[in-house]
């Protein structure tokens, strides 16, 4: 006679299942951590110059940054084009 309990194969299966699921979760967690490390190691986005002087009476409504230019849309309907050093290089007036 076999002295093993009748549920032994099921218990072994559940133990293996829990072990495999635990290993899968640990591997997934390591992948997520690796992705965070890789993502945050990328260079920072384009930075604004230390000073960016708007013309008198203008208020910025939107800012768009490109590698070589910074565009500022003002509330008065003008687009101010700055170079990366922060100097105003062009002004475009939008039609109402």
N, C-alpha and C. Protein backbone atom coordinates (compact mmCIF):
# COMPACT_ATOMS: atom_id res chain seq x y z
N UNK A 1 0.83 -1.19 0.00
CA UNK A 1 0.00 0.00 0.00
C UNK A 1 0.87 1.24 0.00
N UNK A 2 0.36 2.19 -0.67
CA UNK A 2 1.05 3.48 -0.76
C UNK A 2 0.56 4.37 0.38
N UNK A 3 1.47 4.96 1.14
CA UNK A 3 1.10 5.79 2.29
C UNK A 3 0.93 7.26 1.94
N UNK A 4 1.01 7.65 0.66
CA UNK A 4 0.86 9.05 0.28
C UNK A 4 -0.60 9.44 0.30
N UNK A 5 -0.91 10.66 0.70
CA UNK A 5 -2.31 11.10 0.71
C UNK A 5 -2.84 11.12 -0.71
N UNK A 6 -4.18 11.01 -0.82
CA UNK A 6 -4.79 10.93 -2.14
C UNK A 6 -4.64 12.22 -2.93
N UNK A 7 -4.41 13.34 -2.28
CA UNK A 7 -4.29 14.62 -2.98
C UNK A 7 -2.87 14.99 -3.32
N UNK A 8 -1.92 14.12 -3.16
CA UNK A 8 -0.51 14.45 -3.36
C UNK A 8 -0.20 14.91 -4.78
N UNK A 9 -0.70 14.28 -5.84
CA UNK A 9 -0.37 14.79 -7.18
C UNK A 9 -0.89 16.20 -7.40
N UNK A 10 -2.08 16.48 -6.88
CA UNK A 10 -2.64 17.83 -7.03
C UNK A 10 -1.82 18.86 -6.25
N UNK A 11 -1.37 18.48 -5.09
CA UNK A 11 -0.57 19.39 -4.26
C UNK A 11 0.76 19.68 -4.94
N UNK A 12 1.38 18.66 -5.50
CA UNK A 12 2.64 18.86 -6.22
C UNK A 12 2.42 19.77 -7.43
N UNK A 13 1.29 19.57 -8.13
CA UNK A 13 0.99 20.42 -9.29
C UNK A 13 0.82 21.88 -8.85
N UNK A 14 0.11 22.10 -7.77
CA UNK A 14 -0.11 23.47 -7.29
C UNK A 14 1.21 24.08 -6.83
N UNK A 15 2.06 23.30 -6.19
CA UNK A 15 3.37 23.82 -5.77
C UNK A 15 4.19 24.24 -6.98
N UNK A 16 4.21 23.40 -8.01
CA UNK A 16 4.93 23.75 -9.24
C UNK A 16 4.33 24.98 -9.89
N UNK A 17 3.01 25.05 -9.94
CA UNK A 17 2.33 26.19 -10.55
C UNK A 17 2.68 27.49 -9.82
N UNK A 18 2.66 27.45 -8.50
CA UNK A 18 3.00 28.64 -7.71
C UNK A 18 4.45 29.02 -7.94
N UNK A 19 5.33 28.03 -8.02
CA UNK A 19 6.75 28.32 -8.26
C UNK A 19 6.95 28.97 -9.63
N UNK A 20 6.30 28.43 -10.65
CA UNK A 20 6.42 28.99 -12.01
C UNK A 20 5.84 30.40 -12.06
N UNK A 21 4.69 30.61 -11.45
CA UNK A 21 4.08 31.94 -11.45
C UNK A 21 4.94 32.94 -10.68
N UNK A 22 5.53 32.52 -9.59
CA UNK A 22 6.42 33.40 -8.82
C UNK A 22 7.64 33.78 -9.65
N UNK A 23 8.24 32.80 -10.31
CA UNK A 23 9.40 33.09 -11.16
C UNK A 23 9.01 34.02 -12.31
N UNK A 24 7.83 33.84 -12.88
CA UNK A 24 7.37 34.71 -13.96
C UNK A 24 7.18 36.13 -13.47
N UNK A 25 6.60 36.28 -12.29
CA UNK A 25 6.40 37.63 -11.74
C UNK A 25 7.72 38.31 -11.42
N UNK A 26 8.68 37.56 -10.89
CA UNK A 26 10.00 38.13 -10.60
C UNK A 26 10.67 38.56 -11.89
N UNK A 27 10.60 37.72 -12.94
CA UNK A 27 11.20 38.07 -14.23
C UNK A 27 10.53 39.31 -14.81
N UNK A 28 9.21 39.40 -14.70
CA UNK A 28 8.50 40.58 -15.20
C UNK A 28 8.88 41.84 -14.46
N UNK A 29 9.04 41.73 -13.16
CA UNK A 29 9.46 42.88 -12.36
C UNK A 29 10.86 43.33 -12.75
N UNK A 30 11.76 42.38 -12.98
CA UNK A 30 13.12 42.74 -13.42
C UNK A 30 13.10 43.42 -14.78
N UNK A 31 12.24 42.96 -15.69
CA UNK A 31 12.12 43.60 -17.00
C UNK A 31 11.62 45.03 -16.86
N UNK A 32 10.62 45.24 -16.02
CA UNK A 32 10.09 46.60 -15.80
C UNK A 32 11.16 47.51 -15.22
N UNK A 33 11.91 47.03 -14.25
CA UNK A 33 12.99 47.84 -13.66
C UNK A 33 14.04 48.16 -14.72
N UNK A 34 14.40 47.17 -15.54
CA UNK A 34 15.38 47.42 -16.61
C UNK A 34 14.86 48.46 -17.60
N UNK A 35 13.58 48.42 -17.94
CA UNK A 35 13.02 49.41 -18.86
C UNK A 35 13.05 50.81 -18.25
N UNK A 36 12.76 50.93 -16.96
CA UNK A 36 12.85 52.23 -16.29
C UNK A 36 14.28 52.77 -16.33
N UNK A 37 15.23 51.91 -16.05
CA UNK A 37 16.64 52.35 -16.06
C UNK A 37 17.05 52.79 -17.46
N UNK A 38 16.68 52.03 -18.46
CA UNK A 38 17.03 52.39 -19.84
C UNK A 38 16.34 53.69 -20.24
N UNK A 39 15.07 53.84 -19.88
CA UNK A 39 14.31 55.03 -20.26
C UNK A 39 14.88 56.29 -19.61
N UNK A 40 15.23 56.22 -18.34
CA UNK A 40 15.71 57.41 -17.65
C UNK A 40 17.16 57.71 -17.94
N UNK A 41 17.84 56.82 -18.61
CA UNK A 41 19.22 57.08 -18.98
C UNK A 41 19.31 57.88 -20.29
N UNK A 42 18.18 58.02 -21.00
CA UNK A 42 18.17 58.80 -22.23
C UNK A 42 18.43 60.26 -21.92
N UNK A 43 18.94 61.01 -22.90
CA UNK A 43 19.21 62.43 -22.64
C UNK A 43 17.93 63.19 -22.29
N UNK A 44 18.10 64.22 -21.51
CA UNK A 44 16.97 65.04 -21.10
C UNK A 44 16.40 65.77 -22.32
N UNK A 45 15.12 66.11 -22.27
CA UNK A 45 14.55 66.86 -23.38
C UNK A 45 15.22 68.22 -23.53
N UNK A 46 14.93 68.86 -24.64
CA UNK A 46 15.52 70.17 -24.91
C UNK A 46 15.21 71.15 -23.79
N UNK A 47 16.21 71.87 -23.36
CA UNK A 47 16.04 72.81 -22.25
C UNK A 47 15.87 74.23 -22.80
N UNK A 48 15.14 75.02 -22.06
CA UNK A 48 14.97 76.44 -22.42
C UNK A 48 16.23 77.20 -22.02
N UNK A 49 16.53 78.29 -22.74
CA UNK A 49 17.65 79.14 -22.32
C UNK A 49 17.33 79.76 -20.96
N UNK A 50 18.37 80.24 -20.29
CA UNK A 50 18.15 80.83 -18.96
C UNK A 50 17.26 82.05 -19.02
N UNK A 51 17.41 82.87 -20.05
CA UNK A 51 16.54 84.04 -20.21
C UNK A 51 15.90 84.00 -21.58
N UNK A 52 14.63 84.32 -21.59
CA UNK A 52 13.87 84.39 -22.84
C UNK A 52 12.94 85.58 -22.69
N UNK A 53 13.37 86.74 -23.21
CA UNK A 53 12.64 87.98 -23.00
C UNK A 53 11.57 88.16 -24.07
N UNK A 54 10.34 88.31 -23.62
CA UNK A 54 9.23 88.60 -24.52
C UNK A 54 9.15 90.11 -24.74
N UNK A 55 8.66 90.53 -25.91
CA UNK A 55 8.47 91.97 -26.13
C UNK A 55 7.50 92.55 -25.09
N UNK A 56 7.61 93.83 -24.86
CA UNK A 56 6.78 94.53 -23.88
C UNK A 56 5.30 94.29 -24.16
N UNK A 57 4.55 93.90 -23.15
CA UNK A 57 3.10 93.73 -23.27
C UNK A 57 2.66 92.38 -23.82
N UNK A 58 3.58 91.50 -24.16
CA UNK A 58 3.21 90.18 -24.71
C UNK A 58 3.13 89.16 -23.58
N UNK A 59 2.18 88.25 -23.71
CA UNK A 59 2.02 87.15 -22.77
C UNK A 59 2.01 85.85 -23.55
N UNK A 60 2.82 84.91 -23.13
CA UNK A 60 2.93 83.63 -23.83
C UNK A 60 1.66 82.81 -23.63
N UNK A 61 1.19 82.21 -24.72
CA UNK A 61 0.03 81.33 -24.66
C UNK A 61 0.44 79.88 -24.89
N UNK A 62 1.44 79.67 -25.76
CA UNK A 62 1.94 78.32 -26.04
C UNK A 62 3.42 78.40 -26.41
N UNK A 63 4.15 77.33 -26.09
CA UNK A 63 5.58 77.26 -26.39
C UNK A 63 5.82 75.94 -27.11
N UNK A 64 6.55 76.02 -28.23
CA UNK A 64 6.95 74.83 -28.96
C UNK A 64 8.46 74.86 -29.12
N UNK A 65 9.11 73.75 -28.76
CA UNK A 65 10.56 73.71 -28.86
C UNK A 65 10.98 72.75 -29.96
N UNK A 66 11.93 73.19 -30.76
CA UNK A 66 12.53 72.38 -31.81
C UNK A 66 14.03 72.37 -31.54
N UNK A 67 14.78 71.47 -32.17
CA UNK A 67 16.21 71.43 -31.89
C UNK A 67 16.93 72.75 -32.15
N UNK A 68 16.50 73.52 -33.14
CA UNK A 68 17.22 74.76 -33.47
C UNK A 68 16.42 76.03 -33.16
N UNK A 69 15.14 75.90 -32.80
CA UNK A 69 14.31 77.09 -32.56
C UNK A 69 13.34 76.87 -31.41
N UNK A 70 12.86 78.00 -30.88
CA UNK A 70 11.79 78.00 -29.89
C UNK A 70 10.71 78.93 -30.43
N UNK A 71 9.49 78.41 -30.53
CA UNK A 71 8.37 79.22 -31.02
C UNK A 71 7.44 79.52 -29.85
N UNK A 72 7.06 80.79 -29.74
CA UNK A 72 6.14 81.20 -28.69
C UNK A 72 4.95 81.88 -29.35
N UNK A 73 3.77 81.36 -29.08
CA UNK A 73 2.53 81.98 -29.56
C UNK A 73 2.03 82.87 -28.44
N UNK A 74 1.76 84.13 -28.76
CA UNK A 74 1.32 85.08 -27.75
C UNK A 74 -0.19 85.24 -27.79
N UNK A 75 -0.74 85.82 -26.74
CA UNK A 75 -2.19 86.06 -26.68
C UNK A 75 -2.65 87.08 -27.70
N UNK A 76 -1.74 87.92 -28.18
CA UNK A 76 -2.12 88.93 -29.17
C UNK A 76 -2.09 88.37 -30.59
N UNK A 77 -1.80 87.08 -30.76
CA UNK A 77 -1.84 86.47 -32.09
C UNK A 77 -0.55 86.59 -32.87
N UNK A 78 0.56 86.63 -32.19
CA UNK A 78 1.86 86.69 -32.85
C UNK A 78 2.64 85.44 -32.53
N UNK A 79 3.48 85.02 -33.46
CA UNK A 79 4.41 83.93 -33.22
C UNK A 79 5.80 84.53 -33.15
N UNK A 80 6.47 84.31 -32.02
CA UNK A 80 7.82 84.81 -31.83
C UNK A 80 8.78 83.64 -31.99
N UNK A 81 9.74 83.79 -32.90
CA UNK A 81 10.69 82.74 -33.18
C UNK A 81 12.02 83.13 -32.56
N UNK A 82 12.51 82.27 -31.64
CA UNK A 82 13.78 82.52 -30.95
C UNK A 82 14.78 81.45 -31.38
N UNK A 83 16.06 81.82 -31.38
CA UNK A 83 17.09 80.80 -31.61
C UNK A 83 17.38 80.13 -30.28
N UNK A 84 18.23 79.10 -30.25
CA UNK A 84 18.49 78.35 -29.04
C UNK A 84 19.24 79.16 -27.98
N UNK A 85 19.85 80.26 -28.40
CA UNK A 85 20.54 81.13 -27.44
C UNK A 85 19.57 82.08 -26.74
N UNK A 86 18.30 82.15 -27.21
CA UNK A 86 17.31 83.00 -26.58
C UNK A 86 17.14 84.35 -27.24
N UNK A 87 17.69 84.52 -28.46
CA UNK A 87 17.55 85.79 -29.18
C UNK A 87 16.36 85.71 -30.14
N UNK A 88 15.54 86.77 -30.14
CA UNK A 88 14.39 86.84 -31.04
C UNK A 88 14.89 86.98 -32.47
N UNK A 89 14.52 86.07 -33.35
CA UNK A 89 15.01 86.11 -34.71
C UNK A 89 13.92 86.45 -35.73
N UNK A 90 12.65 86.22 -35.38
CA UNK A 90 11.59 86.51 -36.34
C UNK A 90 10.26 86.65 -35.59
N UNK A 91 9.39 87.51 -36.14
CA UNK A 91 8.05 87.70 -35.59
C UNK A 91 7.05 87.50 -36.71
N UNK A 92 6.06 86.67 -36.48
CA UNK A 92 5.02 86.38 -37.47
C UNK A 92 3.68 86.79 -36.86
N UNK A 93 2.93 87.60 -37.60
CA UNK A 93 1.61 88.02 -37.12
C UNK A 93 0.56 87.14 -37.78
N UNK A 94 -0.29 86.55 -36.96
CA UNK A 94 -1.36 85.68 -37.46
C UNK A 94 -2.57 86.53 -37.85
N UNK A 95 -3.25 86.12 -38.91
CA UNK A 95 -4.49 86.79 -39.31
C UNK A 95 -5.59 86.41 -38.33
N UNK A 96 -6.44 87.40 -37.99
CA UNK A 96 -7.53 87.09 -37.04
C UNK A 96 -8.59 86.19 -37.64
